[in-house]
Amino acid sequence: MELRTTLICLCLAVGFYRSDTNLTSDLVLVPYDFLFDAAVEAYYKGDWLAVILNMEKAIRNKATVRDVKVQCRLQCANQSVFGEPLVGLELPIPGAGSVEDLSFFQKILKRADCVNSCETEKLGSLTLHQVSEEVELEFGKRTPYNYLQVAYFK
């Protein structure tokens, strides 16, 4: 937990974070699970301003990660269309034979590589934004808004 707190403080102190979708590789988006954990810690300490700042930032960063992933998937889907015939063959892909099937899977792999490259370029390391199932469940239950409601009231 101390490592997470240190990472958050470092990112906040140095200012190497941004919550818009025009991210560049030299800026790091603070993972929203770190911000959520910091807000929960601040909640139990009674630091209401820190709860508000960290929880709102966590909500924005989660939305940013989701938006970037959607943009990357759409961008890469538009680059590799399925069903186009191979150059030099009159048969559409997939299903006409083993060569065509290999071409179909090659397009799948190219699209996956495109998505991974795009997300890495815009978000940084892919492992940085992998959050636990527990945190995803908390966001799914909209728990951050409960914390915010109490913090605003206090």
N, C-alpha and C. Protein backbone atom coordinates (compact mmCIF):
# COMPACT_ATOMS: atom_id res chain seq x y z
N MET A 1 0.82 -1.18 0.00
CA MET A 1 0.00 0.00 0.00
C MET A 1 0.87 1.25 0.00
N GLU A 2 2.03 1.20 0.68
CA GLU A 2 2.91 2.35 0.72
C GLU A 2 3.49 2.66 -0.65
N LEU A 3 3.75 1.63 -1.45
CA LEU A 3 4.27 1.85 -2.79
C LEU A 3 3.25 2.59 -3.64
N ARG A 4 1.98 2.20 -3.52
CA ARG A 4 0.93 2.88 -4.27
C ARG A 4 0.83 4.34 -3.85
N THR A 5 0.86 4.60 -2.55
CA THR A 5 0.77 5.95 -2.04
C THR A 5 1.95 6.78 -2.53
N THR A 6 3.13 6.20 -2.51
CA THR A 6 4.32 6.90 -2.98
C THR A 6 4.21 7.23 -4.46
N LEU A 7 3.73 6.27 -5.25
CA LEU A 7 3.57 6.49 -6.68
C LEU A 7 2.57 7.60 -6.95
N ILE A 8 1.47 7.60 -6.24
CA ILE A 8 0.46 8.64 -6.42
C ILE A 8 1.03 10.00 -6.06
N CYS A 9 1.68 10.07 -4.92
CA CYS A 9 2.27 11.35 -4.48
C CYS A 9 3.29 11.85 -5.49
N LEU A 10 4.11 10.94 -6.00
CA LEU A 10 5.11 11.32 -6.98
C LEU A 10 4.46 11.88 -8.24
N CYS A 11 3.44 11.18 -8.72
CA CYS A 11 2.75 11.64 -9.93
C CYS A 11 2.06 12.97 -9.71
N LEU A 12 1.44 13.14 -8.55
CA LEU A 12 0.75 14.39 -8.26
C LEU A 12 1.74 15.53 -8.06
N ALA A 13 2.86 15.26 -7.38
CA ALA A 13 3.84 16.30 -7.09
C ALA A 13 4.55 16.77 -8.35
N VAL A 14 4.89 15.84 -9.21
CA VAL A 14 5.64 16.20 -10.41
C VAL A 14 4.71 16.69 -11.51
N GLY A 15 3.45 16.26 -11.47
CA GLY A 15 2.50 16.73 -12.46
C GLY A 15 2.55 15.98 -13.77
N PHE A 16 2.95 14.72 -13.73
CA PHE A 16 3.03 13.93 -14.95
C PHE A 16 1.76 13.15 -15.22
N TYR A 17 0.65 13.77 -15.09
CA TYR A 17 -0.59 13.08 -15.39
C TYR A 17 -1.55 14.03 -16.08
N ARG A 18 -2.49 13.45 -16.82
CA ARG A 18 -3.46 14.22 -17.56
C ARG A 18 -4.66 13.34 -17.79
N SER A 19 -5.85 13.91 -17.82
CA SER A 19 -7.04 13.07 -17.95
C SER A 19 -7.82 13.36 -19.22
N ASP A 20 -7.14 13.73 -20.29
CA ASP A 20 -7.86 13.84 -21.55
C ASP A 20 -7.37 12.77 -22.50
N THR A 21 -8.07 12.60 -23.61
CA THR A 21 -7.75 11.48 -24.50
C THR A 21 -6.66 11.82 -25.49
N ASN A 22 -6.12 13.02 -25.47
CA ASN A 22 -5.03 13.38 -26.35
C ASN A 22 -3.70 13.18 -25.63
N LEU A 23 -3.52 12.02 -25.08
CA LEU A 23 -2.32 11.72 -24.32
C LEU A 23 -1.15 11.50 -25.25
N THR A 24 0.01 11.86 -24.77
CA THR A 24 1.21 11.56 -25.52
C THR A 24 2.07 10.65 -24.68
N SER A 25 3.06 10.06 -25.30
CA SER A 25 3.86 9.06 -24.61
C SER A 25 4.68 9.62 -23.46
N ASP A 26 4.90 10.96 -23.40
CA ASP A 26 5.69 11.50 -22.31
C ASP A 26 4.85 11.85 -21.08
N LEU A 27 3.57 11.66 -21.15
CA LEU A 27 2.69 11.90 -20.01
C LEU A 27 2.13 10.57 -19.53
N VAL A 28 2.02 10.43 -18.22
CA VAL A 28 1.52 9.19 -17.65
C VAL A 28 0.17 9.46 -16.99
N LEU A 29 -0.80 8.65 -17.33
CA LEU A 29 -2.12 8.73 -16.72
C LEU A 29 -2.09 7.90 -15.45
N VAL A 30 -2.37 8.53 -14.31
CA VAL A 30 -2.34 7.82 -13.04
C VAL A 30 -3.43 6.75 -13.06
N PRO A 31 -3.08 5.52 -12.75
CA PRO A 31 -4.09 4.45 -12.73
C PRO A 31 -5.20 4.76 -11.72
N TYR A 32 -6.42 4.54 -12.17
CA TYR A 32 -7.54 4.94 -11.32
C TYR A 32 -7.69 4.09 -10.08
N ASP A 33 -7.14 2.88 -10.08
CA ASP A 33 -7.21 2.09 -8.85
C ASP A 33 -6.31 2.68 -7.76
N PHE A 34 -5.17 3.27 -8.15
CA PHE A 34 -4.32 3.95 -7.17
C PHE A 34 -5.07 5.14 -6.57
N LEU A 35 -5.71 5.92 -7.43
CA LEU A 35 -6.45 7.09 -6.96
C LEU A 35 -7.62 6.68 -6.07
N PHE A 36 -8.30 5.62 -6.44
CA PHE A 36 -9.42 5.13 -5.64
C PHE A 36 -8.92 4.72 -4.26
N ASP A 37 -7.82 3.95 -4.22
CA ASP A 37 -7.26 3.52 -2.93
C ASP A 37 -6.83 4.72 -2.08
N ALA A 38 -6.22 5.72 -2.72
CA ALA A 38 -5.80 6.91 -1.97
C ALA A 38 -7.02 7.65 -1.42
N ALA A 39 -8.10 7.70 -2.19
CA ALA A 39 -9.31 8.37 -1.73
C ALA A 39 -9.94 7.62 -0.56
N VAL A 40 -9.94 6.31 -0.62
CA VAL A 40 -10.50 5.51 0.48
C VAL A 40 -9.66 5.71 1.75
N GLU A 41 -8.33 5.71 1.59
CA GLU A 41 -7.47 5.97 2.74
C GLU A 41 -7.77 7.35 3.34
N ALA A 42 -7.90 8.35 2.49
CA ALA A 42 -8.20 9.71 2.95
C ALA A 42 -9.56 9.75 3.63
N TYR A 43 -10.50 8.96 3.15
CA TYR A 43 -11.84 8.91 3.75
C TYR A 43 -11.75 8.45 5.20
N TYR A 44 -10.98 7.39 5.44
CA TYR A 44 -10.86 6.87 6.79
C TYR A 44 -10.04 7.78 7.70
N LYS A 45 -9.23 8.65 7.11
CA LYS A 45 -8.48 9.63 7.89
C LYS A 45 -9.28 10.92 8.11
N GLY A 46 -10.40 11.04 7.40
CA GLY A 46 -11.22 12.24 7.52
C GLY A 46 -10.71 13.41 6.69
N ASP A 47 -9.85 13.15 5.72
CA ASP A 47 -9.32 14.19 4.83
C ASP A 47 -10.27 14.33 3.63
N TRP A 48 -11.32 15.10 3.83
CA TRP A 48 -12.42 15.16 2.85
C TRP A 48 -12.00 15.76 1.53
N LEU A 49 -11.13 16.76 1.56
CA LEU A 49 -10.67 17.37 0.31
C LEU A 49 -9.88 16.35 -0.53
N ALA A 50 -9.03 15.56 0.12
CA ALA A 50 -8.27 14.54 -0.61
C ALA A 50 -9.21 13.47 -1.18
N VAL A 51 -10.27 13.14 -0.42
CA VAL A 51 -11.25 12.18 -0.93
C VAL A 51 -11.86 12.71 -2.22
N ILE A 52 -12.29 13.95 -2.19
CA ILE A 52 -12.95 14.55 -3.36
C ILE A 52 -12.00 14.61 -4.55
N LEU A 53 -10.79 15.13 -4.33
CA LEU A 53 -9.83 15.28 -5.43
C LEU A 53 -9.45 13.93 -6.04
N ASN A 54 -9.10 12.96 -5.19
CA ASN A 54 -8.67 11.66 -5.70
C ASN A 54 -9.81 10.86 -6.33
N MET A 55 -10.99 10.91 -5.73
CA MET A 55 -12.10 10.12 -6.27
C MET A 55 -12.59 10.70 -7.59
N GLU A 56 -12.66 12.02 -7.69
CA GLU A 56 -13.07 12.62 -8.96
C GLU A 56 -12.04 12.33 -10.05
N LYS A 57 -10.77 12.39 -9.70
CA LYS A 57 -9.72 12.08 -10.66
C LYS A 57 -9.78 10.60 -11.07
N ALA A 58 -10.08 9.72 -10.12
CA ALA A 58 -10.20 8.30 -10.43
C ALA A 58 -11.34 8.06 -11.42
N ILE A 59 -12.46 8.73 -11.21
CA ILE A 59 -13.60 8.58 -12.11
C ILE A 59 -13.25 9.09 -13.51
N ARG A 60 -12.58 10.24 -13.57
CA ARG A 60 -12.19 10.79 -14.88
C ARG A 60 -11.17 9.89 -15.58
N ASN A 61 -10.19 9.38 -14.82
CA ASN A 61 -9.17 8.54 -15.44
C ASN A 61 -9.74 7.21 -15.92
N LYS A 62 -10.69 6.66 -15.19
CA LYS A 62 -11.35 5.43 -15.64
C LYS A 62 -12.06 5.67 -16.97
N ALA A 63 -12.76 6.80 -17.06
CA ALA A 63 -13.45 7.14 -18.30
C ALA A 63 -12.45 7.37 -19.43
N THR A 64 -11.33 7.98 -19.14
CA THR A 64 -10.31 8.22 -20.15
C THR A 64 -9.73 6.91 -20.67
N VAL A 65 -9.43 5.99 -19.78
CA VAL A 65 -8.90 4.68 -20.20
C VAL A 65 -9.91 3.98 -21.09
N ARG A 66 -11.18 4.00 -20.70
CA ARG A 66 -12.22 3.36 -21.50
C ARG A 66 -12.33 4.03 -22.88
N ASP A 67 -12.31 5.37 -22.91
CA ASP A 67 -12.42 6.09 -24.18
C ASP A 67 -11.24 5.80 -25.12
N VAL A 68 -10.04 5.76 -24.55
CA VAL A 68 -8.85 5.48 -25.36
C VAL A 68 -8.93 4.07 -25.94
N LYS A 69 -9.36 3.11 -25.13
CA LYS A 69 -9.48 1.74 -25.62
C LYS A 69 -10.50 1.64 -26.74
N VAL A 70 -11.61 2.34 -26.60
CA VAL A 70 -12.63 2.33 -27.66
C VAL A 70 -12.08 2.97 -28.93
N GLN A 71 -11.42 4.12 -28.79
CA GLN A 71 -10.84 4.80 -29.96
C GLN A 71 -9.83 3.91 -30.67
N CYS A 72 -8.98 3.25 -29.91
CA CYS A 72 -7.97 2.37 -30.51
C CYS A 72 -8.62 1.20 -31.24
N ARG A 73 -9.63 0.61 -30.64
CA ARG A 73 -10.29 -0.53 -31.28
C ARG A 73 -11.00 -0.11 -32.56
N LEU A 74 -11.65 1.05 -32.54
CA LEU A 74 -12.31 1.53 -33.75
C LEU A 74 -11.30 1.87 -34.83
N GLN A 75 -10.23 2.54 -34.45
CA GLN A 75 -9.19 2.91 -35.41
C GLN A 75 -8.59 1.67 -36.05
N CYS A 76 -8.30 0.65 -35.26
CA CYS A 76 -7.68 -0.57 -35.79
C CYS A 76 -8.68 -1.41 -36.56
N ALA A 77 -9.95 -1.37 -36.18
CA ALA A 77 -10.96 -2.12 -36.93
C ALA A 77 -11.12 -1.54 -38.32
N ASN A 78 -10.98 -0.25 -38.46
CA ASN A 78 -11.12 0.39 -39.76
C ASN A 78 -9.92 0.11 -40.67
N GLN A 79 -8.80 -0.27 -40.09
CA GLN A 79 -7.60 -0.53 -40.88
C GLN A 79 -7.56 -1.93 -41.47
N SER A 80 -8.24 -2.88 -40.84
CA SER A 80 -8.20 -4.26 -41.35
C SER A 80 -9.63 -4.78 -41.48
N VAL A 81 -10.12 -4.73 -42.69
CA VAL A 81 -11.48 -5.18 -42.98
C VAL A 81 -11.45 -6.65 -43.35
N PHE A 82 -12.37 -7.42 -42.79
CA PHE A 82 -12.45 -8.84 -43.10
C PHE A 82 -13.32 -9.05 -44.33
N GLY A 83 -13.11 -10.14 -45.01
CA GLY A 83 -13.92 -10.48 -46.17
C GLY A 83 -13.36 -9.98 -47.48
N GLU A 84 -12.26 -9.21 -47.42
CA GLU A 84 -11.63 -8.75 -48.66
C GLU A 84 -10.82 -9.90 -49.25
N PRO A 85 -10.85 -10.04 -50.55
CA PRO A 85 -10.05 -11.11 -51.15
C PRO A 85 -8.56 -10.79 -51.04
N LEU A 86 -7.75 -11.84 -50.99
CA LEU A 86 -6.31 -11.66 -51.00
C LEU A 86 -5.88 -11.20 -52.38
N VAL A 87 -4.78 -10.47 -52.41
CA VAL A 87 -4.25 -10.04 -53.69
C VAL A 87 -3.83 -11.28 -54.48
N GLY A 88 -4.33 -11.43 -55.69
CA GLY A 88 -3.98 -12.56 -56.52
C GLY A 88 -4.94 -13.74 -56.39
N LEU A 89 -5.91 -13.66 -55.46
CA LEU A 89 -6.89 -14.72 -55.30
C LEU A 89 -8.29 -14.14 -55.51
N GLU A 90 -9.18 -14.92 -56.11
CA GLU A 90 -10.53 -14.43 -56.32
C GLU A 90 -11.48 -14.83 -55.21
N LEU A 91 -11.05 -15.61 -54.25
CA LEU A 91 -11.93 -16.11 -53.20
C LEU A 91 -11.93 -15.17 -52.00
N PRO A 92 -13.10 -14.89 -51.41
CA PRO A 92 -13.13 -14.06 -50.21
C PRO A 92 -12.64 -14.84 -48.99
N ILE A 93 -12.25 -14.10 -47.98
CA ILE A 93 -11.76 -14.69 -46.74
C ILE A 93 -12.87 -14.57 -45.73
N PRO A 94 -13.09 -15.46 -44.85
CA PRO A 94 -12.42 -16.71 -44.56
C PRO A 94 -13.16 -17.89 -45.18
N GLY A 95 -12.59 -19.05 -45.07
CA GLY A 95 -13.29 -20.30 -45.31
C GLY A 95 -13.07 -21.00 -46.61
N ALA A 96 -12.41 -20.45 -47.58
CA ALA A 96 -12.29 -21.13 -48.86
C ALA A 96 -11.18 -22.16 -48.87
N GLY A 97 -10.26 -22.10 -47.96
CA GLY A 97 -9.17 -23.06 -47.93
C GLY A 97 -8.15 -22.67 -46.87
N SER A 98 -7.11 -23.48 -46.77
CA SER A 98 -6.14 -23.27 -45.70
C SER A 98 -5.37 -21.96 -45.85
N VAL A 99 -5.03 -21.56 -47.08
CA VAL A 99 -4.30 -20.31 -47.28
C VAL A 99 -5.17 -19.12 -46.88
N GLU A 100 -6.44 -19.19 -47.25
CA GLU A 100 -7.34 -18.11 -46.91
C GLU A 100 -7.58 -18.04 -45.40
N ASP A 101 -7.65 -19.21 -44.75
CA ASP A 101 -7.81 -19.23 -43.30
C ASP A 101 -6.60 -18.61 -42.61
N LEU A 102 -5.41 -18.90 -43.11
CA LEU A 102 -4.21 -18.31 -42.54
C LEU A 102 -4.22 -16.79 -42.69
N SER A 103 -4.69 -16.33 -43.83
CA SER A 103 -4.78 -14.89 -44.05
C SER A 103 -5.77 -14.25 -43.07
N PHE A 104 -6.87 -14.94 -42.82
CA PHE A 104 -7.88 -14.44 -41.86
C PHE A 104 -7.25 -14.28 -40.48
N PHE A 105 -6.51 -15.30 -40.03
CA PHE A 105 -5.88 -15.23 -38.72
C PHE A 105 -4.75 -14.20 -38.68
N GLN A 106 -4.11 -13.99 -39.81
CA GLN A 106 -3.09 -12.96 -39.88
C GLN A 106 -3.73 -11.58 -39.66
N LYS A 107 -4.89 -11.37 -40.22
CA LYS A 107 -5.59 -10.10 -40.00
C LYS A 107 -6.00 -9.94 -38.53
N ILE A 108 -6.42 -11.03 -37.91
CA ILE A 108 -6.77 -10.99 -36.49
C ILE A 108 -5.55 -10.57 -35.67
N LEU A 109 -4.41 -11.17 -35.94
CA LEU A 109 -3.19 -10.86 -35.20
C LEU A 109 -2.72 -9.43 -35.48
N LYS A 110 -2.84 -8.98 -36.71
CA LYS A 110 -2.45 -7.60 -37.03
C LYS A 110 -3.35 -6.60 -36.29
N ARG A 111 -4.64 -6.90 -36.23
CA ARG A 111 -5.56 -6.01 -35.52
C ARG A 111 -5.23 -5.98 -34.03
N ALA A 112 -4.94 -7.13 -33.44
CA ALA A 112 -4.58 -7.18 -32.02
C ALA A 112 -3.29 -6.40 -31.76
N ASP A 113 -2.32 -6.55 -32.64
CA ASP A 113 -1.07 -5.81 -32.50
C ASP A 113 -1.32 -4.31 -32.63
N CYS A 114 -2.17 -3.93 -33.55
CA CYS A 114 -2.52 -2.52 -33.74
C CYS A 114 -3.16 -1.95 -32.47
N VAL A 115 -4.10 -2.68 -31.88
CA VAL A 115 -4.78 -2.23 -30.67
C VAL A 115 -3.78 -2.10 -29.53
N ASN A 116 -2.92 -3.10 -29.35
CA ASN A 116 -1.92 -3.05 -28.28
C ASN A 116 -0.97 -1.87 -28.47
N SER A 117 -0.52 -1.63 -29.69
CA SER A 117 0.39 -0.52 -29.97
C SER A 117 -0.28 0.82 -29.70
N CYS A 118 -1.51 0.95 -30.15
CA CYS A 118 -2.25 2.19 -29.96
C CYS A 118 -2.46 2.48 -28.48
N GLU A 119 -2.89 1.48 -27.72
CA GLU A 119 -3.13 1.67 -26.29
C GLU A 119 -1.83 1.98 -25.55
N THR A 120 -0.74 1.32 -25.92
CA THR A 120 0.55 1.58 -25.29
C THR A 120 1.01 3.00 -25.59
N GLU A 121 0.81 3.44 -26.81
CA GLU A 121 1.21 4.78 -27.21
C GLU A 121 0.44 5.85 -26.43
N LYS A 122 -0.85 5.63 -26.24
CA LYS A 122 -1.68 6.65 -25.61
C LYS A 122 -1.77 6.55 -24.09
N LEU A 123 -1.60 5.33 -23.54
CA LEU A 123 -1.77 5.14 -22.10
C LEU A 123 -0.49 4.77 -21.37
N GLY A 124 0.51 4.37 -22.08
CA GLY A 124 1.71 3.86 -21.44
C GLY A 124 1.63 2.36 -21.35
N SER A 125 2.40 1.79 -20.45
CA SER A 125 2.44 0.35 -20.29
C SER A 125 1.05 -0.23 -20.04
N LEU A 126 0.73 -1.31 -20.73
CA LEU A 126 -0.59 -1.92 -20.60
C LEU A 126 -0.83 -2.47 -19.20
N THR A 127 0.24 -2.92 -18.53
CA THR A 127 0.08 -3.47 -17.19
C THR A 127 -0.20 -2.39 -16.15
N LEU A 128 0.12 -1.15 -16.47
CA LEU A 128 -0.10 -0.05 -15.54
C LEU A 128 -1.59 0.17 -15.28
N HIS A 129 -2.42 -0.09 -16.26
CA HIS A 129 -3.85 0.17 -16.15
C HIS A 129 -4.68 -1.10 -15.96
N GLN A 130 -4.04 -2.18 -15.56
CA GLN A 130 -4.79 -3.38 -15.21
C GLN A 130 -5.22 -3.26 -13.76
N VAL A 131 -6.51 -3.26 -13.54
CA VAL A 131 -7.02 -3.09 -12.17
C VAL A 131 -7.61 -4.41 -11.69
N SER A 132 -7.69 -4.52 -10.39
CA SER A 132 -8.22 -5.76 -9.81
C SER A 132 -9.72 -5.86 -10.05
N GLU A 133 -10.19 -7.08 -9.97
CA GLU A 133 -11.62 -7.33 -10.13
C GLU A 133 -12.40 -6.63 -9.02
N GLU A 134 -11.80 -6.54 -7.85
CA GLU A 134 -12.45 -5.89 -6.71
C GLU A 134 -12.71 -4.40 -6.99
N VAL A 135 -11.72 -3.72 -7.56
CA VAL A 135 -11.89 -2.29 -7.87
C VAL A 135 -12.92 -2.12 -8.99
N GLU A 136 -12.87 -2.99 -9.99
CA GLU A 136 -13.88 -2.93 -11.06
C GLU A 136 -15.28 -3.12 -10.49
N LEU A 137 -15.42 -4.03 -9.54
CA LEU A 137 -16.71 -4.27 -8.90
C LEU A 137 -17.18 -3.03 -8.14
N GLU A 138 -16.25 -2.37 -7.44
CA GLU A 138 -16.59 -1.15 -6.71
C GLU A 138 -17.08 -0.06 -7.65
N PHE A 139 -16.42 0.09 -8.79
CA PHE A 139 -16.86 1.08 -9.76
C PHE A 139 -18.19 0.67 -10.39
N GLY A 140 -18.36 -0.62 -10.60
CA GLY A 140 -19.62 -1.12 -11.14
C GLY A 140 -20.79 -0.88 -10.20
N LYS A 141 -20.52 -0.95 -8.90
CA LYS A 141 -21.56 -0.67 -7.90
C LYS A 141 -21.71 0.83 -7.64
N ARG A 142 -20.88 1.63 -8.32
CA ARG A 142 -20.89 3.08 -8.21
C ARG A 142 -20.51 3.57 -6.81
N THR A 143 -19.69 2.79 -6.13
CA THR A 143 -19.22 3.13 -4.79
C THR A 143 -18.47 4.46 -4.72
N PRO A 144 -17.67 4.83 -5.74
CA PRO A 144 -16.98 6.13 -5.65
C PRO A 144 -17.94 7.30 -5.40
N TYR A 145 -19.13 7.22 -5.95
CA TYR A 145 -20.09 8.30 -5.76
C TYR A 145 -20.61 8.35 -4.32
N ASN A 146 -20.67 7.20 -3.66
CA ASN A 146 -21.05 7.18 -2.25
C ASN A 146 -20.00 7.90 -1.41
N TYR A 147 -18.73 7.60 -1.68
CA TYR A 147 -17.65 8.29 -0.97
C TYR A 147 -17.71 9.79 -1.24
N LEU A 148 -17.93 10.17 -2.48
CA LEU A 148 -17.99 11.59 -2.83
C LEU A 148 -19.16 12.29 -2.13
N GLN A 149 -20.29 11.63 -2.06
CA GLN A 149 -21.45 12.23 -1.42
C GLN A 149 -21.15 12.55 0.04
N VAL A 150 -20.55 11.60 0.74
CA VAL A 150 -20.21 11.82 2.15
C VAL A 150 -19.15 12.92 2.28
N ALA A 151 -18.14 12.88 1.42
CA ALA A 151 -17.07 13.87 1.49
C ALA A 151 -17.60 15.28 1.22
N TYR A 152 -18.47 15.43 0.25
CA TYR A 152 -19.06 16.75 -0.02
C TYR A 152 -19.90 17.22 1.16
N PHE A 153 -20.61 16.30 1.78
CA PHE A 153 -21.45 16.66 2.93
C PHE A 153 -20.60 17.14 4.10
N LYS A 154 -19.48 16.45 4.34
CA LYS A 154 -18.59 16.81 5.46
C LYS A 154 -17.86 18.11 5.15
